[in-house]
Amino acid sequence: MQKIILAALLTPLIALPVAADSFGKPCTTVPSNAWLSMEAIEKIVTDHGFTITKSRLKGTCAEVYVKDGQGLKAELFIDPATGNPVGTDWTRVR
């Protein structure tokens, strides 16, 4: 019985990282040949006051790890076609 309860509790935690890269949806449906370059995406992020510690393209998202001006860490999912954060806007990222 304890194993069944444990499995039921852990299953959502195992599935979470799979969906977390794009909140369960693609960041964009625009073909990759129309995406911004990673350098252009990084410039947009730094222009909004963040320091980038790591960035990469993952699936249909640009995944950018940042620190804000106060040193707080965050992970941003950026639409590579527009350069905008997914699921929020720049005013709510902080």
N, C-alpha and C. Protein backbone atom coordinates (compact mmCIF):
# COMPACT_ATOMS: atom_id res chain seq x y z
N MET A 1 0.81 -1.19 0.00
CA MET A 1 0.00 0.00 0.00
C MET A 1 0.87 1.26 0.00
N GLN A 2 1.93 1.24 0.81
CA GLN A 2 2.82 2.40 0.88
C GLN A 2 3.49 2.65 -0.47
N LYS A 3 3.82 1.58 -1.20
CA LYS A 3 4.46 1.74 -2.51
C LYS A 3 3.51 2.41 -3.50
N ILE A 4 2.23 2.07 -3.44
CA ILE A 4 1.24 2.67 -4.33
C ILE A 4 1.09 4.16 -4.03
N ILE A 5 1.03 4.50 -2.77
CA ILE A 5 0.90 5.90 -2.37
C ILE A 5 2.15 6.68 -2.79
N LEU A 6 3.32 6.12 -2.57
CA LEU A 6 4.57 6.77 -2.94
C LEU A 6 4.63 6.98 -4.46
N ALA A 7 4.25 5.97 -5.22
CA ALA A 7 4.25 6.08 -6.68
C ALA A 7 3.28 7.16 -7.13
N ALA A 8 2.13 7.25 -6.50
CA ALA A 8 1.14 8.27 -6.86
C ALA A 8 1.66 9.68 -6.56
N LEU A 9 2.42 9.81 -5.49
CA LEU A 9 2.97 11.12 -5.14
C LEU A 9 4.14 11.51 -6.03
N LEU A 10 4.94 10.57 -6.47
CA LEU A 10 6.13 10.88 -7.25
C LEU A 10 5.86 11.03 -8.75
N THR A 11 4.80 10.44 -9.26
CA THR A 11 4.52 10.50 -10.69
C THR A 11 4.44 11.93 -11.21
N PRO A 12 3.72 12.86 -10.56
CA PRO A 12 3.70 14.23 -11.09
C PRO A 12 5.08 14.89 -11.09
N LEU A 13 5.92 14.54 -10.14
CA LEU A 13 7.26 15.12 -10.09
C LEU A 13 8.13 14.61 -11.22
N ILE A 14 7.93 13.40 -11.65
CA ILE A 14 8.69 12.85 -12.76
C ILE A 14 8.23 13.49 -14.06
N ALA A 15 6.95 13.73 -14.24
CA ALA A 15 6.41 14.29 -15.46
C ALA A 15 6.68 15.79 -15.57
N LEU A 16 6.86 16.48 -14.46
CA LEU A 16 7.03 17.92 -14.47
C LEU A 16 8.18 18.42 -15.32
N PRO A 17 9.40 17.88 -15.22
CA PRO A 17 10.49 18.40 -16.03
C PRO A 17 10.26 18.27 -17.53
N VAL A 18 9.51 17.29 -17.96
CA VAL A 18 9.23 17.12 -19.38
C VAL A 18 8.39 18.28 -19.90
N ALA A 19 7.40 18.70 -19.15
CA ALA A 19 6.51 19.76 -19.58
C ALA A 19 7.06 21.14 -19.24
N ALA A 20 8.00 21.24 -18.34
CA ALA A 20 8.46 22.53 -17.86
C ALA A 20 9.19 23.34 -18.91
N ASP A 21 9.77 22.70 -19.92
CA ASP A 21 10.56 23.48 -20.86
C ASP A 21 9.72 24.44 -21.68
N SER A 22 8.43 24.19 -21.81
CA SER A 22 7.59 25.11 -22.57
C SER A 22 6.19 25.20 -21.97
N PHE A 23 6.07 24.96 -20.69
CA PHE A 23 4.78 24.99 -20.00
C PHE A 23 3.78 24.05 -20.67
N GLY A 24 4.27 22.97 -21.24
CA GLY A 24 3.40 21.99 -21.86
C GLY A 24 2.96 22.34 -23.27
N LYS A 25 3.38 23.50 -23.77
CA LYS A 25 3.02 23.94 -25.12
C LYS A 25 4.28 24.40 -25.83
N PRO A 26 4.28 24.39 -27.15
CA PRO A 26 5.45 24.92 -27.86
C PRO A 26 5.55 26.44 -27.64
N CYS A 27 6.75 26.96 -27.60
CA CYS A 27 6.94 28.40 -27.46
C CYS A 27 6.54 29.13 -28.74
N THR A 28 6.70 28.45 -29.87
CA THR A 28 6.36 29.05 -31.14
C THR A 28 5.99 27.97 -32.14
N THR A 29 5.23 28.34 -33.13
CA THR A 29 4.94 27.43 -34.24
C THR A 29 5.60 27.93 -35.52
N VAL A 30 6.35 29.01 -35.40
CA VAL A 30 7.07 29.58 -36.55
C VAL A 30 8.23 28.64 -36.91
N PRO A 31 8.46 28.39 -38.19
CA PRO A 31 9.57 27.51 -38.59
C PRO A 31 10.92 28.05 -38.10
N SER A 32 11.82 27.16 -37.76
CA SER A 32 13.10 27.55 -37.15
C SER A 32 13.95 28.44 -38.06
N ASN A 33 13.75 28.39 -39.37
CA ASN A 33 14.55 29.25 -40.25
C ASN A 33 14.13 30.71 -40.14
N ALA A 34 13.03 31.01 -39.44
CA ALA A 34 12.58 32.38 -39.24
C ALA A 34 12.85 32.87 -37.80
N TRP A 35 13.53 32.07 -37.01
CA TRP A 35 13.81 32.44 -35.63
C TRP A 35 14.94 33.46 -35.56
N LEU A 36 14.97 34.19 -34.46
CA LEU A 36 16.08 35.08 -34.15
C LEU A 36 17.30 34.23 -33.80
N SER A 37 18.47 34.79 -33.99
CA SER A 37 19.68 34.07 -33.57
C SER A 37 19.76 34.08 -32.04
N MET A 38 20.53 33.17 -31.50
CA MET A 38 20.69 33.12 -30.04
C MET A 38 21.33 34.42 -29.55
N GLU A 39 22.24 34.98 -30.33
CA GLU A 39 22.87 36.25 -29.96
C GLU A 39 21.83 37.37 -29.88
N ALA A 40 20.88 37.40 -30.82
CA ALA A 40 19.84 38.43 -30.81
C ALA A 40 18.92 38.24 -29.60
N ILE A 41 18.60 37.01 -29.28
CA ILE A 41 17.75 36.72 -28.11
C ILE A 41 18.48 37.15 -26.84
N GLU A 42 19.76 36.84 -26.74
CA GLU A 42 20.54 37.22 -25.56
C GLU A 42 20.61 38.74 -25.43
N LYS A 43 20.72 39.46 -26.54
CA LYS A 43 20.76 40.92 -26.49
C LYS A 43 19.43 41.47 -25.96
N ILE A 44 18.32 40.91 -26.41
CA ILE A 44 17.01 41.35 -25.91
C ILE A 44 16.93 41.15 -24.40
N VAL A 45 17.38 39.99 -23.93
CA VAL A 45 17.34 39.69 -22.49
C VAL A 45 18.22 40.65 -21.71
N THR A 46 19.44 40.88 -22.18
CA THR A 46 20.33 41.80 -21.46
C THR A 46 19.84 43.24 -21.54
N ASP A 47 19.19 43.61 -22.65
CA ASP A 47 18.61 44.96 -22.75
C ASP A 47 17.50 45.19 -21.72
N HIS A 48 16.92 44.12 -21.22
CA HIS A 48 15.90 44.22 -20.18
C HIS A 48 16.51 44.14 -18.77
N GLY A 49 17.83 44.24 -18.67
CA GLY A 49 18.49 44.36 -17.38
C GLY A 49 18.95 43.08 -16.73
N PHE A 50 18.95 41.98 -17.45
CA PHE A 50 19.38 40.71 -16.89
C PHE A 50 20.81 40.38 -17.29
N THR A 51 21.49 39.64 -16.42
CA THR A 51 22.80 39.07 -16.74
C THR A 51 22.58 37.59 -17.03
N ILE A 52 23.06 37.14 -18.18
CA ILE A 52 22.84 35.76 -18.59
C ILE A 52 23.95 34.88 -18.03
N THR A 53 23.55 33.78 -17.40
CA THR A 53 24.54 32.82 -16.91
C THR A 53 24.64 31.61 -17.83
N LYS A 54 23.54 31.30 -18.54
CA LYS A 54 23.54 30.16 -19.47
C LYS A 54 22.35 30.33 -20.40
N SER A 55 22.52 29.91 -21.65
CA SER A 55 21.39 29.94 -22.57
C SER A 55 21.55 28.82 -23.59
N ARG A 56 20.39 28.36 -24.10
CA ARG A 56 20.41 27.32 -25.11
C ARG A 56 19.04 27.25 -25.77
N LEU A 57 19.01 26.67 -26.95
CA LEU A 57 17.75 26.38 -27.61
C LEU A 57 17.33 24.98 -27.20
N LYS A 58 16.09 24.83 -26.78
CA LYS A 58 15.57 23.54 -26.37
C LYS A 58 14.19 23.38 -26.97
N GLY A 59 14.07 22.50 -27.94
CA GLY A 59 12.80 22.32 -28.63
C GLY A 59 12.44 23.58 -29.38
N THR A 60 11.29 24.14 -29.07
CA THR A 60 10.85 25.37 -29.73
C THR A 60 11.02 26.59 -28.84
N CYS A 61 11.87 26.49 -27.82
CA CYS A 61 12.10 27.58 -26.87
C CYS A 61 13.57 27.93 -26.76
N ALA A 62 13.82 29.19 -26.47
CA ALA A 62 15.14 29.59 -26.01
C ALA A 62 15.05 29.58 -24.49
N GLU A 63 15.90 28.81 -23.87
CA GLU A 63 15.91 28.68 -22.41
C GLU A 63 17.09 29.50 -21.91
N VAL A 64 16.81 30.53 -21.10
CA VAL A 64 17.84 31.46 -20.68
C VAL A 64 17.84 31.55 -19.15
N TYR A 65 18.98 31.24 -18.56
CA TYR A 65 19.15 31.36 -17.12
C TYR A 65 19.79 32.71 -16.86
N VAL A 66 19.18 33.48 -15.94
CA VAL A 66 19.60 34.86 -15.74
C VAL A 66 19.72 35.20 -14.26
N LYS A 67 20.35 36.35 -14.01
CA LYS A 67 20.33 37.01 -12.71
C LYS A 67 19.83 38.43 -12.97
N ASP A 68 18.98 38.90 -12.06
CA ASP A 68 18.52 40.28 -12.22
C ASP A 68 19.53 41.21 -11.54
N GLY A 69 19.23 42.50 -11.51
CA GLY A 69 20.14 43.49 -10.94
C GLY A 69 20.43 43.29 -9.48
N GLN A 70 19.59 42.52 -8.78
CA GLN A 70 19.78 42.26 -7.36
C GLN A 70 20.41 40.90 -7.10
N GLY A 71 20.77 40.20 -8.18
CA GLY A 71 21.42 38.90 -8.04
C GLY A 71 20.47 37.72 -7.93
N LEU A 72 19.15 37.96 -8.06
CA LEU A 72 18.18 36.88 -7.98
C LEU A 72 18.19 36.08 -9.28
N LYS A 73 18.20 34.76 -9.16
CA LYS A 73 18.27 33.88 -10.32
C LYS A 73 16.87 33.58 -10.85
N ALA A 74 16.80 33.39 -12.17
CA ALA A 74 15.54 33.02 -12.80
C ALA A 74 15.84 32.24 -14.07
N GLU A 75 14.84 31.51 -14.53
CA GLU A 75 14.93 30.79 -15.80
C GLU A 75 13.83 31.35 -16.68
N LEU A 76 14.20 31.86 -17.85
CA LEU A 76 13.24 32.42 -18.77
C LEU A 76 13.07 31.51 -19.98
N PHE A 77 11.85 31.36 -20.43
CA PHE A 77 11.56 30.67 -21.68
C PHE A 77 11.17 31.74 -22.68
N ILE A 78 11.96 31.86 -23.72
CA ILE A 78 11.78 32.92 -24.70
C ILE A 78 11.31 32.34 -26.02
N ASP A 79 10.32 32.98 -26.62
CA ASP A 79 9.85 32.61 -27.96
C ASP A 79 10.95 33.03 -28.94
N PRO A 80 11.59 32.09 -29.61
CA PRO A 80 12.71 32.45 -30.49
C PRO A 80 12.28 33.20 -31.75
N ALA A 81 10.99 33.24 -32.05
CA ALA A 81 10.51 33.98 -33.21
C ALA A 81 10.31 35.46 -32.88
N THR A 82 9.97 35.77 -31.62
CA THR A 82 9.66 37.15 -31.24
C THR A 82 10.64 37.75 -30.24
N GLY A 83 11.31 36.90 -29.47
CA GLY A 83 12.19 37.39 -28.41
C GLY A 83 11.46 37.75 -27.13
N ASN A 84 10.18 37.41 -27.06
CA ASN A 84 9.38 37.71 -25.86
C ASN A 84 9.32 36.51 -24.93
N PRO A 85 9.22 36.76 -23.61
CA PRO A 85 9.08 35.65 -22.68
C PRO A 85 7.73 34.95 -22.87
N VAL A 86 7.73 33.66 -22.68
CA VAL A 86 6.52 32.85 -22.85
C VAL A 86 5.73 32.81 -21.55
N GLY A 87 4.43 33.03 -21.64
CA GLY A 87 3.56 32.94 -20.47
C GLY A 87 3.55 34.17 -19.60
N THR A 88 4.27 35.20 -19.98
CA THR A 88 4.33 36.43 -19.19
C THR A 88 4.80 37.56 -20.11
N ASP A 89 5.06 38.71 -19.54
CA ASP A 89 5.68 39.79 -20.30
C ASP A 89 6.85 40.33 -19.48
N TRP A 90 7.63 41.21 -20.08
CA TRP A 90 8.86 41.67 -19.42
C TRP A 90 8.58 42.36 -18.10
N THR A 91 7.43 42.99 -17.92
CA THR A 91 7.14 43.70 -16.67
C THR A 91 6.86 42.73 -15.54
N ARG A 92 6.49 41.49 -15.85
CA ARG A 92 6.15 40.52 -14.81
C ARG A 92 7.25 39.48 -14.56
N VAL A 93 8.32 39.57 -15.32
CA VAL A 93 9.41 38.58 -15.17
C VAL A 93 10.08 38.76 -13.82
N ARG A 94 10.21 39.94 -13.35
CA ARG A 94 10.93 40.20 -12.10
C ARG A 94 10.14 39.83 -10.89
